[in-house]
Amino acid sequence: MTTLAIPALIDGELLSGTDDIPVNAVYTSDLLSDVMAHGRSAEVLVTIQAHNNTVAVASIAGIRLIVLCNGRQPDEAMLASAREEGIGIVRTQLSQFEVSGRLWKALHEQQ
């Protein structure tokens, strides 16, 4: 699975572009300090946190794609920061549970 395959897997909309990189791990959390402490091995963050701090944490952690769940809409500042950092943003109406399940399944089917 790659980052550009994710929107189709989760009925998502790509709001900010990303390089097409392989995905080996996904981290799901809304607590940004938790993401900094434990999400560093992931390429994708699944969250409902639709603000600039999420991009900053993703950048620090090396995360390349943020999936915003429950239809959360990022503001223009978040999108601008994501473009600046080269971090993709995908929005979906699905819950974090559903997105995490679909991505887990896709990761395990490729092994």
Protein backbone atom coordinates (compact mmCIF):
# COMPACT_ATOMS: atom_id res chain seq x y z
CA MET A 1 0.00 0.00 0.00
CA THR A 2 1.17 3.53 -0.70
CA THR A 3 0.05 6.93 0.52
CA LEU A 4 -1.71 7.74 -2.74
CA ALA A 5 -3.75 4.52 -2.56
CA ILE A 6 -5.24 5.46 0.81
CA PRO A 7 -8.00 7.89 -0.30
CA ALA A 8 -9.65 5.16 -2.40
CA LEU A 9 -9.42 2.65 0.47
CA ILE A 10 -11.23 4.95 2.91
CA ASP A 11 -13.64 6.80 0.63
CA GLY A 12 -11.47 9.87 1.19
CA GLU A 13 -10.71 13.13 -0.54
CA LEU A 14 -7.09 14.25 -1.00
CA LEU A 15 -6.94 17.88 0.18
CA SER A 16 -3.18 18.34 0.16
CA GLY A 17 -0.77 16.36 -1.96
CA THR A 18 1.91 13.97 -0.86
CA ASP A 19 4.64 11.94 -2.48
CA ASP A 20 3.59 8.39 -3.25
CA ILE A 21 5.52 6.49 -0.60
CA PRO A 22 5.14 2.97 0.76
CA VAL A 23 3.15 2.66 3.97
CA ASN A 24 4.47 0.22 6.55
CA ALA A 25 2.70 1.57 9.64
CA VAL A 26 -0.30 3.69 10.61
CA TYR A 27 -0.83 5.41 13.96
CA THR A 28 -4.25 6.43 15.28
CA SER A 29 -4.47 9.03 18.03
CA ASP A 30 -5.97 12.40 18.88
CA LEU A 31 -3.47 13.17 21.61
CA LEU A 32 -0.62 14.90 19.82
CA SER A 33 1.91 14.28 22.61
CA ASP A 34 1.11 10.58 22.23
CA VAL A 35 1.82 10.82 18.49
CA MET A 36 5.20 12.44 19.17
CA ALA A 37 6.07 9.73 21.69
CA HIS A 38 4.77 6.66 19.86
CA GLY A 39 3.94 7.48 16.24
CA ARG A 40 7.46 7.90 14.88
CA SER A 41 7.50 4.59 13.01
CA ALA A 42 4.32 5.42 11.08
CA GLU A 43 3.92 7.09 7.71
CA VAL A 44 0.21 7.83 8.28
CA LEU A 45 -1.66 9.48 11.17
CA VAL A 46 -5.39 8.86 11.62
CA THR A 47 -7.01 11.59 13.74
CA ILE A 48 -9.80 14.14 14.12
CA GLN A 49 -7.36 16.94 15.01
CA ALA A 50 -7.82 19.39 12.10
CA HIS A 51 -5.45 22.21 13.02
CA ASN A 52 -1.93 23.49 12.48
CA ASN A 53 -0.42 21.70 15.49
CA THR A 54 -1.25 18.37 13.87
CA VAL A 55 0.96 19.23 10.90
CA ALA A 56 3.77 20.34 13.22
CA VAL A 57 3.63 17.07 15.15
CA ALA A 58 3.45 15.02 11.95
CA SER A 59 6.52 16.83 10.66
CA ILE A 60 8.46 16.16 13.88
CA ALA A 61 7.41 12.50 13.88
CA GLY A 62 8.20 11.96 10.20
CA ILE A 63 4.57 11.23 9.29
CA ARG A 64 3.84 11.92 5.60
CA LEU A 65 0.03 11.69 5.49
CA ILE A 66 -2.69 12.86 7.89
CA VAL A 67 -6.15 11.30 7.60
CA LEU A 68 -8.88 13.50 9.08
CA CYS A 69 -11.91 11.46 10.10
CA ASN A 70 -15.58 12.26 10.73
CA GLY A 71 -15.57 14.80 7.91
CA ARG A 72 -13.35 17.24 9.80
CA GLN A 73 -12.44 20.23 7.62
CA PRO A 74 -8.96 21.70 7.99
CA ASP A 75 -8.61 25.46 7.85
CA GLU A 76 -6.45 27.16 5.23
CA ALA A 77 -3.57 27.59 7.70
CA MET A 78 -3.38 23.83 8.22
CA LEU A 79 -3.47 23.18 4.47
CA ALA A 80 -0.77 25.80 3.85
CA SER A 81 1.46 24.27 6.54
CA ALA A 82 0.92 20.80 5.12
CA ARG A 83 1.91 21.97 1.63
CA GLU A 84 4.98 23.67 3.07
CA GLU A 85 6.03 20.51 4.92
CA GLY A 86 5.14 18.14 2.07
CA ILE A 87 2.57 16.34 4.20
CA GLY A 88 -0.60 15.08 2.57
CA ILE A 89 -4.04 15.53 4.08
CA VAL A 90 -6.99 13.26 3.33
CA ARG A 91 -10.50 13.88 4.65
CA THR A 92 -13.07 11.12 5.07
CA GLN A 93 -16.54 10.84 6.56
CA LEU A 94 -15.56 7.52 8.15
CA SER A 95 -14.76 7.16 11.85
CA GLN A 96 -11.26 6.55 13.15
CA PHE A 97 -12.27 2.99 13.96
CA GLU A 98 -13.40 2.29 10.39
CA VAL A 99 -10.36 3.96 8.81
CA SER A 100 -7.95 2.15 11.13
CA GLY A 101 -9.62 -1.17 10.36
CA ARG A 102 -9.47 -0.68 6.61
CA LEU A 103 -5.83 0.39 6.69
CA TRP A 104 -4.88 -2.47 9.02
CA LYS A 105 -6.51 -4.93 6.64
CA ALA A 106 -4.75 -3.43 3.60
CA LEU A 107 -1.36 -3.55 5.36
CA HIS A 108 -1.81 -7.15 6.39
CA GLU A 109 -3.05 -8.30 2.99
CA GLN A 110 0.19 -7.07 1.37
CA GLN A 111 2.40 -9.19 3.67
